[in-house]
């Protein structure tokens, strides 16, 4: 009985007048939770991409002297020896160049690490605000799910009691007819 009173109070306080309205709010919260999760995943992807570009910029400048030195070598044999000796650095340089070229802006310029770090900060702030909203949505969702569960329990108990009462009435009628 206490649970029923608390349920009714909550429903009245929140303007929920029917089970259909509760189901609509539950569905709306579920959809919002999915959207929030997708947004968080998209932001995480963008952050990862920007961090990869920053890392590639660092690797580019770190390995650039190795490439510059290779270009100074005239002898093909010495070049091959140098390439073999510095394979890791040269591979890192080439991979960095590839990633940097993919990240060029429409005007052909290469993004700066400082700008990328600022973008990452903005994305982190946006992600944190979405996470805060997501936590609120999850709390609402939990409340609506609990309400629905409790209402269904109450309704099923009432239904069982009605069914039992009907069975008892039927048995009474049958016994009176005998």
N, C-alpha and C. Protein backbone atom coordinates (compact mmCIF):
# COMPACT_ATOMS: atom_id res chain seq x y z
N UNK A 1 0.82 -1.19 0.00
CA UNK A 1 0.00 0.00 0.00
C UNK A 1 0.87 1.26 0.00
N UNK A 2 1.97 1.20 0.79
CA UNK A 2 2.88 2.35 0.87
C UNK A 2 3.51 2.63 -0.49
N UNK A 3 3.88 1.58 -1.22
CA UNK A 3 4.48 1.74 -2.54
C UNK A 3 3.47 2.37 -3.48
N UNK A 4 2.23 1.94 -3.40
CA UNK A 4 1.19 2.49 -4.27
C UNK A 4 1.01 3.99 -4.03
N UNK A 5 1.04 4.40 -2.78
CA UNK A 5 0.89 5.82 -2.45
C UNK A 5 2.07 6.61 -2.99
N UNK A 6 3.27 6.09 -2.81
CA UNK A 6 4.45 6.78 -3.32
C UNK A 6 4.43 6.88 -4.85
N UNK A 7 3.98 5.82 -5.51
CA UNK A 7 3.88 5.84 -6.97
C UNK A 7 2.88 6.90 -7.41
N UNK A 8 1.71 6.91 -6.78
CA UNK A 8 0.69 7.90 -7.14
C UNK A 8 1.18 9.32 -6.90
N UNK A 9 1.86 9.55 -5.79
CA UNK A 9 2.40 10.88 -5.50
C UNK A 9 3.40 11.30 -6.57
N UNK A 10 4.30 10.40 -6.94
CA UNK A 10 5.30 10.74 -7.96
C UNK A 10 4.62 11.04 -9.29
N UNK A 11 3.67 10.20 -9.67
CA UNK A 11 2.97 10.42 -10.94
C UNK A 11 2.25 11.76 -10.94
N UNK A 12 1.57 12.09 -9.85
CA UNK A 12 0.86 13.37 -9.75
C UNK A 12 1.84 14.54 -9.78
N UNK A 13 2.93 14.45 -9.03
CA UNK A 13 3.92 15.54 -8.99
C UNK A 13 4.55 15.79 -10.34
N UNK A 14 4.66 14.76 -11.17
CA UNK A 14 5.32 14.88 -12.46
C UNK A 14 4.34 14.93 -13.63
N UNK A 15 3.07 15.09 -13.32
CA UNK A 15 2.06 15.27 -14.36
C UNK A 15 1.85 14.07 -15.25
N UNK A 16 2.12 12.89 -14.74
CA UNK A 16 1.91 11.65 -15.51
C UNK A 16 0.53 11.12 -15.13
N UNK A 17 -0.36 11.14 -16.12
CA UNK A 17 -1.76 10.81 -15.82
C UNK A 17 -2.18 9.41 -16.28
N UNK A 18 -1.29 8.76 -17.05
CA UNK A 18 -1.66 7.42 -17.52
C UNK A 18 -0.42 6.58 -17.74
N UNK A 19 -0.66 5.30 -17.89
CA UNK A 19 0.42 4.37 -18.18
C UNK A 19 1.03 4.67 -19.56
N UNK A 20 0.19 5.12 -20.48
CA UNK A 20 0.69 5.50 -21.81
C UNK A 20 1.67 6.67 -21.72
N UNK A 21 1.36 7.65 -20.88
CA UNK A 21 2.27 8.79 -20.69
C UNK A 21 3.58 8.32 -20.07
N UNK A 22 3.51 7.42 -19.11
CA UNK A 22 4.72 6.88 -18.50
C UNK A 22 5.55 6.14 -19.55
N UNK A 23 4.90 5.32 -20.36
CA UNK A 23 5.60 4.60 -21.43
C UNK A 23 6.23 5.57 -22.43
N UNK A 24 5.55 6.67 -22.74
CA UNK A 24 6.09 7.67 -23.67
C UNK A 24 7.34 8.32 -23.07
N UNK A 25 7.28 8.65 -21.78
CA UNK A 25 8.45 9.26 -21.12
C UNK A 25 9.61 8.26 -21.06
N UNK A 26 9.29 7.02 -20.79
CA UNK A 26 10.31 5.97 -20.74
C UNK A 26 10.97 5.82 -22.11
N UNK A 27 10.16 5.78 -23.16
CA UNK A 27 10.69 5.64 -24.52
C UNK A 27 11.52 6.86 -24.91
N UNK A 28 11.06 8.04 -24.55
CA UNK A 28 11.80 9.27 -24.86
C UNK A 28 13.17 9.26 -24.16
N UNK A 29 13.20 8.83 -22.90
CA UNK A 29 14.46 8.76 -22.16
C UNK A 29 15.40 7.73 -22.78
N UNK A 30 14.84 6.60 -23.20
CA UNK A 30 15.66 5.57 -23.84
C UNK A 30 16.29 6.08 -25.13
N UNK A 31 15.50 6.78 -25.94
CA UNK A 31 16.01 7.34 -27.19
C UNK A 31 17.09 8.38 -26.91
N UNK A 32 16.87 9.23 -25.91
CA UNK A 32 17.85 10.25 -25.57
C UNK A 32 19.15 9.62 -25.08
N UNK A 33 19.04 8.53 -24.33
CA UNK A 33 20.24 7.83 -23.85
C UNK A 33 21.05 7.28 -25.03
N UNK A 34 20.37 6.75 -26.02
CA UNK A 34 21.05 6.23 -27.22
C UNK A 34 21.74 7.37 -27.97
N UNK A 35 21.03 8.48 -28.14
CA UNK A 35 21.60 9.63 -28.83
C UNK A 35 22.83 10.15 -28.08
N UNK A 36 22.72 10.26 -26.77
CA UNK A 36 23.86 10.73 -25.97
C UNK A 36 25.06 9.80 -26.13
N UNK A 37 24.82 8.50 -26.08
CA UNK A 37 25.93 7.53 -26.25
C UNK A 37 26.58 7.68 -27.61
N UNK A 38 25.76 7.86 -28.66
CA UNK A 38 26.32 8.05 -30.00
C UNK A 38 27.16 9.32 -30.07
N UNK A 39 26.66 10.40 -29.47
CA UNK A 39 27.40 11.66 -29.46
C UNK A 39 28.72 11.52 -28.72
N UNK A 40 28.70 10.83 -27.61
CA UNK A 40 29.93 10.61 -26.83
C UNK A 40 30.93 9.80 -27.65
N UNK A 41 30.45 8.77 -28.33
CA UNK A 41 31.33 7.95 -29.17
C UNK A 41 31.92 8.78 -30.32
N UNK A 42 31.09 9.61 -30.94
CA UNK A 42 31.57 10.47 -32.03
C UNK A 42 32.64 11.44 -31.54
N UNK A 43 32.42 12.02 -30.38
CA UNK A 43 33.39 12.95 -29.81
C UNK A 43 34.69 12.22 -29.48
N UNK A 44 34.58 11.03 -28.90
CA UNK A 44 35.79 10.24 -28.60
C UNK A 44 36.58 9.93 -29.87
N UNK A 45 35.87 9.64 -30.95
CA UNK A 45 36.53 9.38 -32.23
C UNK A 45 37.27 10.63 -32.72
N UNK A 46 36.60 11.78 -32.64
CA UNK A 46 37.23 13.03 -33.06
C UNK A 46 38.47 13.34 -32.22
N UNK A 47 38.36 13.12 -30.92
CA UNK A 47 39.50 13.36 -30.03
C UNK A 47 40.66 12.44 -30.39
N UNK A 48 40.37 11.18 -30.63
CA UNK A 48 41.42 10.21 -31.01
C UNK A 48 42.10 10.62 -32.32
N UNK A 49 41.29 11.05 -33.28
CA UNK A 49 41.86 11.47 -34.56
C UNK A 49 42.79 12.67 -34.39
N UNK A 50 42.36 13.63 -33.59
CA UNK A 50 43.17 14.83 -33.36
C UNK A 50 44.46 14.48 -32.61
N UNK A 51 44.37 13.57 -31.65
CA UNK A 51 45.57 13.14 -30.93
C UNK A 51 46.52 12.40 -31.85
N UNK A 52 45.98 11.63 -32.78
CA UNK A 52 46.82 10.93 -33.75
C UNK A 52 47.56 11.93 -34.64
N UNK A 53 46.89 13.00 -35.04
CA UNK A 53 47.54 14.03 -35.86
C UNK A 53 48.65 14.71 -35.07
N UNK A 54 48.37 15.04 -33.81
CA UNK A 54 49.39 15.67 -32.96
C UNK A 54 50.62 14.75 -32.84
N UNK A 55 50.36 13.47 -32.60
CA UNK A 55 51.44 12.50 -32.49
C UNK A 55 52.23 12.44 -33.81
N UNK A 56 51.52 12.47 -34.92
CA UNK A 56 52.18 12.42 -36.23
C UNK A 56 53.03 13.66 -36.48
N UNK A 57 52.54 14.81 -36.04
CA UNK A 57 53.33 16.05 -36.18
C UNK A 57 54.63 15.93 -35.38
N UNK A 58 54.54 15.38 -34.19
CA UNK A 58 55.75 15.20 -33.36
C UNK A 58 56.73 14.24 -34.03
N UNK A 59 56.19 13.13 -34.53
CA UNK A 59 57.05 12.14 -35.18
C UNK A 59 57.67 12.72 -36.45
N UNK A 60 56.93 13.51 -37.18
CA UNK A 60 57.46 14.14 -38.39
C UNK A 60 58.70 14.96 -38.05
N UNK A 61 58.58 15.82 -37.05
CA UNK A 61 59.72 16.69 -36.71
C UNK A 61 60.86 15.90 -36.06
N UNK A 62 60.50 14.84 -35.36
CA UNK A 62 61.54 14.01 -34.75
C UNK A 62 62.36 13.28 -35.81
N UNK A 63 61.70 12.77 -36.86
CA UNK A 63 62.39 11.96 -37.87
C UNK A 63 62.82 12.74 -39.10
N UNK A 64 62.44 13.98 -39.20
CA UNK A 64 62.81 14.80 -40.37
C UNK A 64 64.33 14.88 -40.56
N UNK A 65 65.14 15.03 -39.51
CA UNK A 65 66.60 15.07 -39.72
C UNK A 65 67.14 13.79 -40.36
N UNK A 66 66.52 12.64 -40.06
CA UNK A 66 66.97 11.38 -40.64
C UNK A 66 66.71 11.40 -42.15
N UNK A 67 65.56 11.91 -42.56
CA UNK A 67 65.22 12.00 -43.99
C UNK A 67 66.13 13.01 -44.68
N UNK A 68 66.37 14.13 -44.02
CA UNK A 68 67.26 15.16 -44.58
C UNK A 68 68.65 14.57 -44.81
N UNK A 69 69.13 13.82 -43.87
CA UNK A 69 70.46 13.19 -43.98
C UNK A 69 70.47 12.19 -45.14
N UNK A 70 69.40 11.42 -45.28
CA UNK A 70 69.30 10.45 -46.38
C UNK A 70 69.40 11.15 -47.73
N UNK A 71 68.75 12.27 -47.86
CA UNK A 71 68.75 13.00 -49.14
C UNK A 71 70.14 13.56 -49.48
N UNK A 72 70.97 13.74 -48.48
CA UNK A 72 72.33 14.25 -48.71
C UNK A 72 73.26 13.17 -49.25
N UNK A 73 72.91 11.91 -49.02
CA UNK A 73 73.78 10.80 -49.43
C UNK A 73 73.62 10.57 -50.93
N UNK A 74 74.75 10.55 -51.65
CA UNK A 74 74.71 10.42 -53.11
C UNK A 74 74.84 8.97 -53.58
N UNK A 75 75.60 8.20 -52.91
CA UNK A 75 75.87 6.82 -53.33
C UNK A 75 74.65 5.93 -53.05
N UNK A 76 74.18 5.18 -54.07
CA UNK A 76 73.06 4.27 -53.86
C UNK A 76 73.34 3.20 -52.79
N UNK A 77 74.57 2.70 -52.73
CA UNK A 77 74.92 1.71 -51.72
C UNK A 77 74.83 2.30 -50.31
N UNK A 78 75.36 3.49 -50.17
CA UNK A 78 75.30 4.16 -48.86
C UNK A 78 73.86 4.48 -48.48
N UNK A 79 73.06 4.86 -49.48
CA UNK A 79 71.64 5.14 -49.21
C UNK A 79 70.95 3.89 -48.68
N UNK A 80 71.19 2.76 -49.32
CA UNK A 80 70.56 1.50 -48.90
C UNK A 80 71.01 1.12 -47.49
N UNK A 81 72.29 1.28 -47.21
CA UNK A 81 72.79 0.98 -45.86
C UNK A 81 72.14 1.91 -44.84
N UNK A 82 72.04 3.18 -45.19
CA UNK A 82 71.43 4.17 -44.29
C UNK A 82 69.95 3.84 -44.06
N UNK A 83 69.26 3.46 -45.13
CA UNK A 83 67.84 3.08 -45.02
C UNK A 83 67.67 1.87 -44.11
N UNK A 84 68.53 0.88 -44.27
CA UNK A 84 68.46 -0.32 -43.45
C UNK A 84 68.73 0.01 -41.99
N UNK A 85 69.71 0.86 -41.77
CA UNK A 85 70.10 1.24 -40.40
C UNK A 85 69.01 2.07 -39.72
N UNK A 86 68.28 2.88 -40.49
CA UNK A 86 67.28 3.82 -39.94
C UNK A 86 65.86 3.50 -40.38
N UNK A 87 65.60 2.22 -40.62
CA UNK A 87 64.28 1.79 -41.13
C UNK A 87 63.13 2.25 -40.23
N UNK A 88 63.26 2.07 -38.94
CA UNK A 88 62.19 2.42 -38.01
C UNK A 88 61.86 3.92 -38.11
N UNK A 89 62.87 4.76 -38.11
CA UNK A 89 62.65 6.19 -38.18
C UNK A 89 62.04 6.60 -39.53
N UNK A 90 62.54 5.99 -40.60
CA UNK A 90 62.02 6.33 -41.93
C UNK A 90 60.57 5.86 -42.09
N UNK A 91 60.25 4.69 -41.55
CA UNK A 91 58.87 4.21 -41.59
C UNK A 91 57.97 5.13 -40.77
N UNK A 92 58.45 5.54 -39.60
CA UNK A 92 57.69 6.46 -38.77
C UNK A 92 57.45 7.79 -39.46
N UNK A 93 58.47 8.27 -40.13
CA UNK A 93 58.36 9.53 -40.88
C UNK A 93 57.32 9.39 -41.99
N UNK A 94 57.39 8.32 -42.76
CA UNK A 94 56.45 8.11 -43.88
C UNK A 94 55.01 7.97 -43.38
N UNK A 95 54.83 7.26 -42.29
CA UNK A 95 53.48 7.11 -41.72
C UNK A 95 52.98 8.47 -41.24
N UNK A 96 53.84 9.24 -40.62
CA UNK A 96 53.46 10.57 -40.14
C UNK A 96 53.06 11.48 -41.30
N UNK A 97 53.83 11.44 -42.37
CA UNK A 97 53.51 12.26 -43.54
C UNK A 97 52.15 11.87 -44.11
N UNK A 98 51.89 10.58 -44.16
CA UNK A 98 50.60 10.08 -44.67
C UNK A 98 49.44 10.62 -43.83
N UNK A 99 49.55 10.54 -42.52
CA UNK A 99 48.49 11.01 -41.63
C UNK A 99 48.35 12.52 -41.73
N UNK A 100 49.46 13.23 -41.78
CA UNK A 100 49.42 14.70 -41.87
C UNK A 100 48.76 15.12 -43.19
N UNK A 101 49.09 14.45 -44.27
CA UNK A 101 48.48 14.78 -45.56
C UNK A 101 46.97 14.56 -45.56
N UNK A 102 46.52 13.52 -44.88
CA UNK A 102 45.07 13.26 -44.77
C UNK A 102 44.37 14.33 -43.93
N UNK A 103 45.12 14.95 -43.04
CA UNK A 103 44.51 15.91 -42.11
C UNK A 103 44.57 17.35 -42.60
N UNK A 104 45.08 17.55 -43.80
CA UNK A 104 45.18 18.91 -44.32
C UNK A 104 43.80 19.56 -44.39
N UNK A 105 43.79 20.85 -44.12
CA UNK A 105 42.55 21.63 -44.20
C UNK A 105 42.19 21.83 -45.68
N UNK A 106 40.95 22.25 -45.93
CA UNK A 106 40.54 22.46 -47.33
C UNK A 106 41.45 23.44 -48.10
N UNK A 107 42.05 24.39 -47.38
CA UNK A 107 42.94 25.34 -48.05
C UNK A 107 44.35 24.78 -48.25
N UNK A 108 44.56 23.52 -47.83
CA UNK A 108 45.85 22.87 -48.04
C UNK A 108 46.84 23.04 -46.90
N UNK A 109 46.47 23.79 -45.88
CA UNK A 109 47.39 23.99 -44.76
C UNK A 109 47.31 22.83 -43.78
N UNK A 110 48.39 22.66 -43.06
CA UNK A 110 48.48 21.60 -42.06
C UNK A 110 48.03 22.17 -40.71
N UNK A 111 47.19 21.43 -39.99
CA UNK A 111 46.75 21.94 -38.68
C UNK A 111 47.93 22.03 -37.71
N UNK A 112 47.84 23.00 -36.82
CA UNK A 112 48.89 23.19 -35.82
C UNK A 112 48.51 22.43 -34.56
N UNK A 113 49.54 21.92 -33.88
CA UNK A 113 49.30 21.15 -32.66
C UNK A 113 48.58 22.00 -31.61
N UNK A 114 48.91 23.27 -31.53
CA UNK A 114 48.28 24.16 -30.55
C UNK A 114 46.78 24.25 -30.83
N UNK A 115 46.42 24.43 -32.09
CA UNK A 115 45.01 24.51 -32.47
C UNK A 115 44.29 23.18 -32.20
N UNK A 116 44.97 22.09 -32.51
CA UNK A 116 44.38 20.77 -32.26
C UNK A 116 44.15 20.55 -30.77
N UNK A 117 45.09 20.97 -29.94
CA UNK A 117 44.92 20.82 -28.49
C UNK A 117 43.74 21.65 -27.99
N UNK A 118 43.55 22.84 -28.54
CA UNK A 118 42.39 23.66 -28.16
C UNK A 118 41.09 22.99 -28.59
N UNK A 119 41.08 22.41 -29.78
CA UNK A 119 39.90 21.69 -30.25
C UNK A 119 39.61 20.49 -29.34
N UNK A 120 40.65 19.80 -28.92
CA UNK A 120 40.47 18.66 -28.02
C UNK A 120 39.87 19.12 -26.70
N UNK A 121 40.35 20.24 -26.17
CA UNK A 121 39.79 20.77 -24.92
C UNK A 121 38.31 21.08 -25.07
N UNK A 122 37.94 21.71 -26.18
CA UNK A 122 36.53 22.03 -26.43
C UNK A 122 35.69 20.75 -26.53
N UNK A 123 36.23 19.77 -27.23
CA UNK A 123 35.51 18.49 -27.37
C UNK A 123 35.37 17.80 -26.01
N UNK A 124 36.41 17.86 -25.19
CA UNK A 124 36.33 17.26 -23.84
C UNK A 124 35.25 17.95 -23.01
N UNK A 125 35.17 19.28 -23.11
CA UNK A 125 34.15 20.02 -22.37
C UNK A 125 32.76 19.65 -22.86
N UNK A 126 32.60 19.55 -24.18
CA UNK A 126 31.32 19.14 -24.75
C UNK A 126 30.96 17.73 -24.29
N UNK A 127 31.93 16.85 -24.34
CA UNK A 127 31.70 15.46 -23.90
C UNK A 127 31.28 15.41 -22.43
N UNK A 128 31.94 16.21 -21.60
CA UNK A 128 31.59 16.23 -20.17
C UNK A 128 30.17 16.73 -19.96
N UNK A 129 29.74 17.71 -20.75
CA UNK A 129 28.37 18.21 -20.60
C UNK A 129 27.36 17.15 -21.05
N UNK A 130 27.70 16.42 -22.11
CA UNK A 130 26.81 15.34 -22.57
C UNK A 130 26.78 14.21 -21.55
N UNK A 131 27.91 13.92 -20.94
CA UNK A 131 27.95 12.88 -19.91
C UNK A 131 27.08 13.29 -18.72
N UNK A 132 27.12 14.57 -18.34
CA UNK A 132 26.28 15.06 -17.24
C UNK A 132 24.80 14.89 -17.60
N UNK A 133 24.44 15.25 -18.84
CA UNK A 133 23.06 15.06 -19.29
C UNK A 133 22.71 13.58 -19.32
N UNK A 134 23.67 12.75 -19.75
CA UNK A 134 23.43 11.31 -19.83
C UNK A 134 23.17 10.73 -18.44
N UNK A 135 23.91 11.20 -17.45
CA UNK A 135 23.68 10.73 -16.08
C UNK A 135 22.29 11.10 -15.61
N UNK A 136 21.84 12.29 -15.96
CA UNK A 136 20.48 12.73 -15.60
C UNK A 136 19.43 11.86 -16.30
N UNK A 137 19.66 11.59 -17.59
CA UNK A 137 18.74 10.75 -18.36
C UNK A 137 18.69 9.34 -17.78
N UNK A 138 19.87 8.81 -17.42
CA UNK A 138 19.91 7.47 -16.83
C UNK A 138 19.15 7.41 -15.52
N UNK A 139 19.24 8.47 -14.71
CA UNK A 139 18.51 8.52 -13.45
C UNK A 139 17.01 8.54 -13.73
N UNK A 140 16.58 9.37 -14.70
CA UNK A 140 15.16 9.41 -15.07
C UNK A 140 14.71 8.04 -15.57
N UNK A 141 15.53 7.46 -16.41
CA UNK A 141 15.22 6.16 -16.99
C UNK A 141 15.03 5.11 -15.90
N UNK A 142 15.90 5.14 -14.92
CA UNK A 142 15.80 4.20 -13.81
C UNK A 142 14.49 4.39 -13.05
N UNK A 143 14.14 5.65 -12.81
CA UNK A 143 12.89 5.95 -12.10
C UNK A 143 11.70 5.44 -12.90
N UNK A 144 11.68 5.76 -14.21
CA UNK A 144 10.55 5.34 -15.05
C UNK A 144 10.45 3.82 -15.14
N UNK A 145 11.60 3.15 -15.25
CA UNK A 145 11.59 1.68 -15.31
C UNK A 145 11.07 1.09 -14.01
N UNK A 146 11.51 1.66 -12.88
CA UNK A 146 11.03 1.18 -11.58
C UNK A 146 9.53 1.43 -11.42
N UNK A 147 9.08 2.60 -11.85
CA UNK A 147 7.65 2.90 -11.78
C UNK A 147 6.86 1.89 -12.61
N UNK A 148 7.30 1.70 -13.82
CA UNK A 148 6.59 0.78 -14.70
C UNK A 148 6.57 -0.64 -14.11
N UNK A 149 7.71 -1.07 -13.60
CA UNK A 149 7.78 -2.40 -13.00
C UNK A 149 6.80 -2.51 -11.82
N UNK A 150 6.84 -1.52 -10.94
CA UNK A 150 5.96 -1.56 -9.76
C UNK A 150 4.49 -1.48 -10.15
N UNK A 151 4.17 -0.65 -11.13
CA UNK A 151 2.77 -0.57 -11.59
C UNK A 151 2.34 -1.90 -12.19
N UNK A 152 3.21 -2.49 -12.99
CA UNK A 152 2.87 -3.80 -13.58
C UNK A 152 2.68 -4.86 -12.49
N UNK A 153 3.51 -4.80 -11.43
CA UNK A 153 3.35 -5.74 -10.32
C UNK A 153 2.00 -5.54 -9.64
N UNK A 154 1.64 -4.29 -9.41
CA UNK A 154 0.36 -3.97 -8.76
C UNK A 154 -0.79 -4.44 -9.64
N UNK A 155 -0.70 -4.12 -10.92
CA UNK A 155 -1.76 -4.50 -11.85
C UNK A 155 -1.88 -6.02 -11.96
N UNK A 156 -0.76 -6.72 -11.96
CA UNK A 156 -0.82 -8.18 -12.06
C UNK A 156 -1.40 -8.77 -10.78
N UNK A 157 -1.10 -8.17 -9.62
CA UNK A 157 -1.69 -8.64 -8.36
C UNK A 157 -3.19 -8.41 -8.38
N UNK A 158 -3.60 -7.22 -8.86
CA UNK A 158 -5.04 -6.93 -8.96
C UNK A 158 -5.71 -7.90 -9.91
N UNK A 159 -5.02 -8.20 -11.01
CA UNK A 159 -5.57 -9.12 -12.00
C UNK A 159 -5.70 -10.52 -11.40
N UNK A 160 -4.70 -10.94 -10.65
CA UNK A 160 -4.75 -12.26 -10.00
C UNK A 160 -5.88 -12.29 -8.97
N UNK A 161 -6.03 -11.21 -8.22
CA UNK A 161 -7.10 -11.15 -7.22
C UNK A 161 -8.46 -11.19 -7.89
N UNK A 162 -8.61 -10.45 -9.01
CA UNK A 162 -9.87 -10.47 -9.76
C UNK A 162 -10.15 -11.87 -10.29
N UNK A 163 -9.12 -12.50 -10.83
CA UNK A 163 -9.27 -13.85 -11.38
C UNK A 163 -9.66 -14.83 -10.26
N UNK A 164 -9.02 -14.70 -9.11
CA UNK A 164 -9.33 -15.56 -7.96
C UNK A 164 -10.78 -15.33 -7.51
N UNK A 165 -11.17 -14.06 -7.48
CA UNK A 165 -12.55 -13.73 -7.07
C UNK A 165 -13.55 -14.31 -8.06
N UNK A 166 -13.25 -14.22 -9.36
CA UNK A 166 -14.15 -14.78 -10.38
C UNK A 166 -14.25 -16.29 -10.22
N UNK A 167 -13.09 -16.94 -9.98
CA UNK A 167 -13.09 -18.40 -9.79
C UNK A 167 -13.90 -18.78 -8.56
N UNK A 168 -13.73 -18.03 -7.49
CA UNK A 168 -14.49 -18.30 -6.26
C UNK A 168 -15.98 -18.12 -6.50
N UNK A 169 -16.35 -17.07 -7.23
CA UNK A 169 -17.76 -16.83 -7.54
C UNK A 169 -18.33 -17.95 -8.39
N UNK A 170 -17.55 -18.41 -9.38
CA UNK A 170 -17.99 -19.49 -10.24
C UNK A 170 -18.18 -20.77 -9.44
N UNK A 171 -17.25 -21.05 -8.55
CA UNK A 171 -17.35 -22.25 -7.71
C UNK A 171 -18.57 -22.16 -6.80
N UNK A 172 -18.80 -20.97 -6.27
CA UNK A 172 -19.97 -20.77 -5.39
C UNK A 172 -21.25 -21.00 -6.16
N UNK A 173 -21.32 -20.46 -7.39
CA UNK A 173 -22.52 -20.65 -8.23
C UNK A 173 -22.72 -22.13 -8.54
N UNK A 174 -21.62 -22.82 -8.84
CA UNK A 174 -21.72 -24.24 -9.17
C UNK A 174 -22.19 -25.04 -7.96
N UNK A 175 -21.69 -24.67 -6.79
CA UNK A 175 -22.08 -25.42 -5.59
C UNK A 175 -23.53 -25.12 -5.23
N UNK A 176 -24.01 -23.92 -5.53
CA UNK A 176 -25.40 -23.56 -5.26
C UNK A 176 -26.34 -24.27 -6.23
N UNK A 177 -25.87 -24.55 -7.40
CA UNK A 177 -26.69 -25.21 -8.40
C UNK A 177 -26.85 -26.70 -8.10
N UNK A 178 -25.98 -27.23 -7.32
CA UNK A 178 -26.05 -28.65 -6.99
C UNK A 178 -27.14 -28.86 -6.02
